[in-house]
């Protein structure tokens, strides 16, 4: 079975899954979201304006079940997102590797200047062959080579938001920021951010070169950023972009206590989805479904709307290869909670303790890493 880290590098992490059949895994709340002519709201990530709901395109080169989506259909999903007001598209060199950036570049032709393209560097990937080499690589000269290749794949002259995908434990973050500053000076990068970094690294990075956004996993299923990261982002004026805001499909209602994952599906490596934990964790799904009924929405809309109500500078990036799911996700921006409703829902969430880890240990080891200190002249 392929592991989570390998899937991060080959472009898994999508909203269409291959699961062994179970009686309840068809969406238990099959309600068509209400259509609205209300424009999609916008959010600020630092000084960067984006749509309140973005589109993660990682899944567009390979699904959970390892099948490859139809390329033209993925272009159409991207175009439909734009036509519905989505201006924020998220990719990475590691997805494919490379292929998702190509798909996104092809998909936004004709409206490139009206959207924000975000992508990520940091895994150790051979730029000629796409071979995945051990570990991470944020050496400054490598970053610059990666960005030049990104620009070619994306068919653009600049990257609106460039993230360090994971913190390289061998490169001071000040050196990474210096390389990004050089790219900004050259007009190749407009804003930058970090993903899954340690808090001190974020402080150092922001002090060296103002950070626009942090991207980390965050959802009703995984609320880790509430401990430190969100407070730090608020204090520093940094936006927050939740990846996996639907809990790798868990919060949509497509997984139940009898679900078993097909060979190659990385969720089988996450103990929160193990058979012994799924039955317990389903109480979260039941809560979301209850609120979906109450608000005449879909479960995915409840999960996304709850995130949007946490902070005005949060912009989730749910991924999908489905037009109907895309429209549901966009509709979440129009689901409103009163203050009393939000308090009630959050209190109920607080009463649910999720069993199991979000990632296996060998993958979690790449998150919350602190970059090494930059040597002083006397140390070098």
Protein backbone atom coordinates (compact mmCIF):
# COMPACT_ATOMS: atom_id res chain seq x y z
CA UNK A 1 0.00 0.00 0.00
CA UNK A 2 1.32 3.42 -0.89
CA UNK A 3 1.81 5.79 2.02
CA UNK A 4 0.46 9.26 2.67
CA UNK A 5 3.71 11.01 1.87
CA UNK A 6 3.91 9.29 -1.51
CA UNK A 7 0.35 10.32 -2.21
CA UNK A 8 1.22 13.91 -1.36
CA UNK A 9 3.82 13.66 -4.07
CA UNK A 10 1.76 11.95 -6.74
CA UNK A 11 -1.43 13.95 -6.43
CA UNK A 12 -3.90 12.17 -4.21
CA UNK A 13 -6.18 13.89 -1.75
CA UNK A 14 -9.43 14.31 -3.64
CA UNK A 15 -13.17 14.22 -3.17
CA UNK A 16 -14.00 11.13 -5.24
CA UNK A 17 -12.98 7.89 -3.55
CA UNK A 18 -12.82 4.21 -4.27
CA UNK A 19 -14.29 2.48 -1.25
CA UNK A 20 -15.54 -1.02 -0.77
CA UNK A 21 -19.29 -0.86 -0.95
CA UNK A 22 -21.18 -0.21 2.25
CA UNK A 23 -24.93 0.20 2.70
CA UNK A 24 -24.87 3.82 3.82
CA UNK A 25 -22.03 5.39 1.93
CA UNK A 26 -24.27 7.04 -0.64
CA UNK A 27 -24.81 10.62 0.50
CA UNK A 28 -27.56 10.34 3.14
CA UNK A 29 -28.60 13.95 2.59
CA UNK A 30 -29.26 14.20 -1.14
CA UNK A 31 -30.52 17.72 -1.37
CA UNK A 32 -29.87 20.05 -4.28
CA UNK A 33 -28.41 23.27 -2.85
CA UNK A 34 -30.55 26.32 -3.38
CA UNK A 35 -29.46 28.45 -6.29
CA UNK A 36 -28.58 32.03 -5.58
CA UNK A 37 -27.55 35.05 -7.59
CA UNK A 38 -25.56 36.41 -4.65
CA UNK A 39 -21.92 36.95 -5.67
CA UNK A 40 -19.32 34.79 -3.98
CA UNK A 41 -17.83 36.79 -1.08
CA UNK A 42 -14.13 37.60 -0.92
CA UNK A 43 -11.57 37.23 1.83
CA UNK A 44 -8.20 38.88 2.48
CA UNK A 45 -5.08 36.78 3.00
CA UNK A 46 -2.78 39.49 4.24
CA UNK A 47 -2.94 41.93 1.32
CA UNK A 48 -4.11 39.31 -1.18
CA UNK A 49 -7.80 39.19 -2.07
CA UNK A 50 -9.32 35.79 -2.91
CA UNK A 51 -12.77 34.26 -3.15
CA UNK A 52 -14.10 32.99 0.19
CA UNK A 53 -14.17 29.47 -1.24
CA UNK A 54 -11.27 28.33 -3.38
CA UNK A 55 -10.66 25.20 -5.41
CA UNK A 56 -7.94 22.71 -4.58
CA UNK A 57 -6.91 21.02 -7.83
CA UNK A 58 -4.61 18.35 -6.38
CA UNK A 59 -7.15 15.65 -7.21
CA UNK A 60 -7.30 16.50 -10.90
CA UNK A 61 -4.39 14.32 -11.93
CA UNK A 62 -5.21 11.28 -9.79
CA UNK A 63 -8.07 10.21 -7.54
CA UNK A 64 -8.02 8.24 -4.31
CA UNK A 65 -8.65 5.09 -6.33
CA UNK A 66 -5.58 5.89 -8.52
CA UNK A 67 -7.75 6.46 -11.61
CA UNK A 68 -6.99 9.48 -13.81
CA UNK A 69 -9.81 11.98 -14.38
CA UNK A 70 -10.68 13.12 -17.88
CA UNK A 71 -8.48 16.13 -18.59
CA UNK A 72 -11.07 18.12 -20.53
CA UNK A 73 -13.60 17.55 -17.78
CA UNK A 74 -11.12 18.94 -15.26
CA UNK A 75 -10.66 22.02 -17.44
CA UNK A 76 -14.43 22.44 -17.40
CA UNK A 77 -14.59 22.15 -13.60
CA UNK A 78 -11.97 24.90 -13.37
CA UNK A 79 -13.87 27.09 -15.82
CA UNK A 80 -17.18 26.51 -14.03
CA UNK A 81 -15.56 27.45 -10.73
CA UNK A 82 -14.39 30.72 -12.25
CA UNK A 83 -17.81 31.40 -13.78
CA UNK A 84 -19.35 30.87 -10.33
CA UNK A 85 -17.04 33.43 -8.73
CA UNK A 86 -14.10 31.30 -7.57
CA UNK A 87 -10.87 33.22 -8.04
CA UNK A 88 -8.54 31.13 -5.85
CA UNK A 89 -6.93 27.96 -7.26
CA UNK A 90 -4.44 25.86 -5.31
CA UNK A 91 -1.82 23.47 -6.74
CA UNK A 92 1.73 22.24 -6.01
CA UNK A 93 4.69 20.90 -7.93
CA UNK A 94 4.39 17.69 -5.88
CA UNK A 95 0.92 16.91 -7.20
CA UNK A 96 1.54 14.60 -10.12
CA UNK A 97 4.38 15.48 -9.73
CA UNK A 98 4.01 18.51 -12.03
CA UNK A 99 0.84 17.35 -13.80
CA UNK A 100 -1.67 19.28 -11.73
CA UNK A 101 0.14 22.54 -12.45
CA UNK A 102 -0.10 21.77 -16.17
CA UNK A 103 -3.83 21.04 -15.88
CA UNK A 104 -4.42 24.27 -13.96
CA UNK A 105 -2.41 26.32 -16.44
CA UNK A 106 -4.45 24.89 -19.30
CA UNK A 107 -7.70 25.34 -17.42
CA UNK A 108 -7.35 29.04 -16.62
CA UNK A 109 -6.42 30.10 -20.15
CA UNK A 110 -8.61 33.02 -21.13
CA UNK A 111 -9.06 34.31 -17.58
CA UNK A 112 -5.62 33.94 -16.02
CA UNK A 113 -5.42 37.60 -15.07
CA UNK A 114 -8.71 37.41 -13.15
CA UNK A 115 -7.66 34.63 -10.77
CA UNK A 116 -5.15 33.92 -8.02
CA UNK A 117 -2.87 30.94 -8.59
CA UNK A 118 -1.27 29.39 -5.53
CA UNK A 119 1.31 26.62 -5.72
CA UNK A 120 3.91 25.06 -3.47
CA UNK A 121 7.58 24.02 -3.45
CA UNK A 122 9.62 22.11 -0.92
CA UNK A 123 9.65 18.38 -1.67
CA UNK A 124 12.83 16.98 -3.16
CA UNK A 125 11.80 16.38 -6.76
CA UNK A 126 14.12 16.09 -9.73
CA UNK A 127 13.17 18.95 -12.03
CA UNK A 128 14.02 17.09 -15.22
CA UNK A 129 12.51 13.68 -14.56
CA UNK A 130 9.94 14.30 -11.84
CA UNK A 131 11.56 11.56 -9.77
CA UNK A 132 10.76 11.82 -6.07
CA UNK A 133 14.02 11.94 -4.15
CA UNK A 134 14.34 11.46 -0.38
CA UNK A 135 13.36 14.23 1.97
CA UNK A 136 12.84 17.93 1.35
CA UNK A 137 14.69 20.59 -0.59
CA UNK A 138 14.36 24.31 0.12
CA UNK A 139 17.86 25.29 -0.86
CA UNK A 140 17.59 28.81 -2.32
CA UNK A 141 18.95 27.96 -5.76
CA UNK A 142 16.67 24.94 -5.98
CA UNK A 143 13.65 27.09 -5.12
CA UNK A 144 14.49 29.41 -8.01
CA UNK A 145 14.80 26.50 -10.44
CA UNK A 146 11.48 25.11 -9.22
CA UNK A 147 9.69 28.42 -9.69
CA UNK A 148 10.97 28.80 -13.25
CA UNK A 149 9.63 25.33 -14.04
CA UNK A 150 6.32 26.15 -12.34
CA UNK A 151 5.88 29.22 -14.50
CA UNK A 152 6.34 27.14 -17.63
CA UNK A 153 3.86 24.49 -16.50
CA UNK A 154 1.30 27.08 -15.41
CA UNK A 155 1.82 29.08 -18.60
CA UNK A 156 2.09 32.33 -16.68
CA UNK A 157 4.64 34.99 -15.84
CA UNK A 158 4.03 35.08 -12.09
CA UNK A 159 2.78 33.02 -9.16
CA UNK A 160 0.31 34.95 -7.05
CA UNK A 161 0.91 32.95 -3.86
CA UNK A 162 3.93 30.68 -3.39
CA UNK A 163 4.05 28.40 -0.34
CA UNK A 164 6.82 26.39 1.20
CA UNK A 165 5.02 23.02 1.23
CA UNK A 166 6.86 21.70 4.29
CA UNK A 167 9.67 23.18 6.37
CA UNK A 168 13.12 21.93 5.38
CA UNK A 169 14.92 21.05 8.64
CA UNK A 170 18.28 21.79 7.02
CA UNK A 171 17.64 25.30 5.64
CA UNK A 172 17.11 28.40 7.80
CA UNK A 173 13.76 29.99 7.02
CA UNK A 174 15.57 33.30 6.56
CA UNK A 175 17.39 31.79 3.57
CA UNK A 176 14.10 30.54 2.15
CA UNK A 177 12.57 33.99 2.59
CA UNK A 178 15.59 35.53 0.91
CA UNK A 179 15.14 33.34 -2.16
CA UNK A 180 11.44 34.22 -2.33
CA UNK A 181 12.31 37.92 -1.95
CA UNK A 182 14.62 37.60 -4.96
CA UNK A 183 11.78 36.02 -6.93
CA UNK A 184 9.48 38.85 -5.89
CA UNK A 185 12.04 41.40 -7.01
CA UNK A 186 12.10 39.66 -10.38
CA UNK A 187 8.29 39.79 -10.58
CA UNK A 188 7.95 36.01 -10.59
CA UNK A 189 6.19 35.77 -7.20
CA UNK A 190 3.72 38.25 -5.69
CA UNK A 191 2.96 36.80 -2.22
CA UNK A 192 4.28 33.94 -0.15
CA UNK A 193 3.21 31.57 2.59
CA UNK A 194 4.04 28.47 4.60
CA UNK A 195 2.30 25.15 5.14
CA UNK A 196 2.22 22.99 8.29
CA UNK A 197 5.18 24.87 9.80
CA UNK A 198 6.19 25.23 13.43
CA UNK A 199 5.04 28.48 15.10
CA UNK A 200 8.51 29.92 15.68
CA UNK A 201 9.37 29.35 12.03
CA UNK A 202 6.28 31.33 11.04
CA UNK A 203 7.32 34.22 13.29
CA UNK A 204 10.83 34.24 11.86
CA UNK A 205 9.59 33.98 8.30
CA UNK A 206 7.15 36.85 8.73
CA UNK A 207 9.81 39.03 10.36
CA UNK A 208 12.10 38.45 7.37
CA UNK A 209 9.52 38.77 4.57
CA UNK A 210 5.83 39.42 5.35
CA UNK A 211 3.81 36.22 4.98
CA UNK A 212 0.38 36.47 3.35
CA UNK A 213 -1.06 33.04 4.17
CA UNK A 214 -0.60 29.83 6.10
CA UNK A 215 -2.01 26.59 4.70
CA UNK A 216 -2.66 23.67 7.04
CA UNK A 217 -5.24 20.96 7.55
CA UNK A 218 -8.26 22.32 9.40
CA UNK A 219 -11.85 21.12 9.58
CA UNK A 220 -14.49 19.96 12.01
CA UNK A 221 -12.60 16.66 11.96
CA UNK A 222 -9.16 18.14 12.69
CA UNK A 223 -9.08 21.33 14.77
CA UNK A 224 -5.40 21.40 15.64
CA UNK A 225 -4.75 24.93 14.28
CA UNK A 226 -7.02 26.34 16.97
CA UNK A 227 -4.34 25.59 19.56
CA UNK A 228 -1.67 27.99 18.28
CA UNK A 229 -1.66 28.69 14.56
CA UNK A 230 -4.89 30.65 14.24
CA UNK A 231 -3.98 32.87 17.19
CA UNK A 232 -0.58 33.53 15.66
CA UNK A 233 -2.04 34.32 12.24
CA UNK A 234 -4.47 36.76 13.83
CA UNK A 235 -1.71 38.51 15.74
CA UNK A 236 0.48 38.83 12.64
CA UNK A 237 -2.25 39.70 10.13
CA UNK A 238 -1.76 36.51 8.12
CA UNK A 239 -4.58 34.72 6.29
CA UNK A 240 -5.34 31.04 6.80
CA UNK A 241 -6.16 28.48 4.10
CA UNK A 242 -7.54 25.14 5.35
CA UNK A 243 -6.65 22.15 3.24
CA UNK A 244 -8.83 19.06 3.52
CA UNK A 245 -11.68 21.22 4.89
CA UNK A 246 -14.11 18.33 4.33
CA UNK A 247 -12.01 15.83 6.26
CA UNK A 248 -10.89 13.84 3.19
CA UNK A 249 -14.57 13.23 2.38
CA UNK A 250 -15.58 12.18 5.90
CA UNK A 251 -17.71 15.28 6.50
CA UNK A 252 -19.66 14.89 3.25
CA UNK A 253 -21.51 11.78 4.45
CA UNK A 254 -19.87 9.41 1.96
CA UNK A 255 -18.14 7.37 4.66
CA UNK A 256 -19.90 5.30 7.30
CA UNK A 257 -18.90 2.89 10.05
CA UNK A 258 -18.82 -0.04 7.60
CA UNK A 259 -16.57 1.66 5.04
CA UNK A 260 -13.34 -0.13 4.20
CA UNK A 261 -10.88 1.54 1.87
CA UNK A 262 -9.61 0.05 -1.37
CA UNK A 263 -5.96 -0.83 -1.96
CA UNK A 264 -3.92 2.30 -2.54
CA UNK A 265 -6.28 4.65 -0.69
CA UNK A 266 -4.04 6.51 1.77
CA UNK A 267 -6.92 6.99 4.23
CA UNK A 268 -6.41 3.38 5.21
CA UNK A 269 -3.15 4.55 6.86
CA UNK A 270 -4.94 7.11 9.05
CA UNK A 271 -6.05 5.55 12.32
CA UNK A 272 -9.02 7.94 12.63
CA UNK A 273 -10.55 5.88 9.80
CA UNK A 274 -9.63 2.46 11.17
CA UNK A 275 -12.54 0.04 11.71
CA UNK A 276 -12.20 0.32 15.48
CA UNK A 277 -12.42 4.15 15.40
CA UNK A 278 -14.90 4.80 12.59
CA UNK A 279 -17.96 3.77 14.58
CA UNK A 280 -17.06 6.19 17.36
CA UNK A 281 -16.15 9.04 15.02
CA UNK A 282 -19.41 8.76 13.08
CA UNK A 283 -21.08 10.87 15.77
CA UNK A 284 -19.42 13.86 14.09
CA UNK A 285 -20.99 12.95 10.75
CA UNK A 286 -24.36 12.54 12.44
CA UNK A 287 -24.05 16.01 13.95
CA UNK A 288 -23.22 17.54 10.58
CA UNK A 289 -26.15 15.73 8.97
CA UNK A 290 -28.52 17.03 11.65
CA UNK A 291 -27.41 20.59 10.93
CA UNK A 292 -27.70 20.00 7.20
CA UNK A 293 -31.35 19.10 7.70
CA UNK A 294 -31.85 22.06 9.99
CA UNK A 295 -30.30 24.59 7.58
CA UNK A 296 -31.66 23.05 4.34
CA UNK A 297 -28.10 22.50 3.17
CA UNK A 298 -25.76 19.61 2.41
CA UNK A 299 -23.30 18.21 4.95
CA UNK A 300 -20.36 19.60 2.99
CA UNK A 301 -21.93 23.06 3.07
CA UNK A 302 -22.32 22.90 6.85
CA UNK A 303 -18.69 21.86 7.29
CA UNK A 304 -17.39 24.63 5.02
CA UNK A 305 -19.74 27.28 6.39
CA UNK A 306 -18.59 26.50 9.94
CA UNK A 307 -14.99 27.13 8.86
CA UNK A 308 -15.92 30.41 7.18
CA UNK A 309 -17.59 31.57 10.37
CA UNK A 310 -14.47 31.00 12.47
CA UNK A 311 -12.49 33.95 11.15
CA UNK A 312 -12.99 36.55 8.40
CA UNK A 313 -9.54 35.74 7.00
CA UNK A 314 -10.08 32.00 6.48
CA UNK A 315 -10.52 30.77 2.88
CA UNK A 316 -10.89 26.96 2.54
CA UNK A 317 -9.90 25.15 -0.65
CA UNK A 318 -12.07 22.03 -1.02
CA UNK A 319 -10.98 19.84 -3.91
CA UNK A 320 -13.29 18.07 -6.31
CA UNK A 321 -13.48 16.58 -9.78
CA UNK A 322 -17.28 16.84 -9.82
CA UNK A 323 -19.33 19.75 -11.16
CA UNK A 324 -22.19 19.05 -8.74
CA UNK A 325 -19.88 18.88 -5.73
CA UNK A 326 -18.17 22.07 -6.87
CA UNK A 327 -21.50 23.90 -6.89
CA UNK A 328 -22.38 22.51 -3.46
CA UNK A 329 -19.06 23.70 -2.07
CA UNK A 330 -19.48 27.18 -3.51
CA UNK A 331 -22.97 27.34 -2.01
CA UNK A 332 -21.46 27.01 1.46
CA UNK A 333 -20.47 30.68 1.30
CA UNK A 334 -24.16 31.57 1.50
CA UNK A 335 -25.02 29.37 4.51
CA UNK A 336 -25.39 31.62 7.53
CA UNK A 337 -25.29 30.83 11.24
CA UNK A 338 -26.61 33.22 13.84
CA UNK A 339 -24.35 33.84 16.81
CA UNK A 340 -26.51 31.54 18.91
CA UNK A 341 -26.47 28.81 16.26
CA UNK A 342 -22.70 28.99 15.90
CA UNK A 343 -22.28 28.78 19.65
CA UNK A 344 -24.60 25.77 19.78
CA UNK A 345 -22.89 23.96 16.91
CA UNK A 346 -19.39 24.61 18.24
CA UNK A 347 -20.39 23.45 21.71
CA UNK A 348 -21.64 20.20 20.20
CA UNK A 349 -18.37 19.81 18.30
CA UNK A 350 -16.44 20.40 21.50
CA UNK A 351 -18.27 17.47 23.04
CA UNK A 352 -17.03 15.04 20.39
CA UNK A 353 -13.55 13.61 20.86
CA UNK A 354 -12.20 12.13 17.65
CA UNK A 355 -10.37 8.85 18.11
CA UNK A 356 -7.24 8.13 16.07
CA UNK A 357 -4.55 10.21 14.43
CA UNK A 358 -4.99 12.40 11.37
CA UNK A 359 -1.72 11.12 9.86
CA UNK A 360 0.60 8.18 10.47
CA UNK A 361 3.64 9.11 12.53
CA UNK A 362 6.09 8.94 9.64
CA UNK A 363 4.04 11.57 7.77
CA UNK A 364 3.21 13.71 10.78
CA UNK A 365 6.97 14.05 11.23
CA UNK A 366 7.00 16.51 8.31
CA UNK A 367 4.52 18.86 10.05
CA UNK A 368 5.13 21.34 12.88
CA UNK A 369 8.83 21.40 12.04
CA UNK A 370 10.99 24.34 13.12
CA UNK A 371 13.60 25.48 10.64
CA UNK A 372 17.20 25.58 11.90
CA UNK A 373 18.56 28.88 13.12
CA UNK A 374 20.66 30.84 10.69
CA UNK A 375 24.31 30.65 11.75
CA UNK A 376 25.87 33.90 12.95
CA UNK A 377 29.10 35.05 11.25
CA UNK A 378 31.15 33.63 14.15
CA UNK A 379 29.44 30.24 13.75
CA UNK A 380 29.95 29.92 10.01
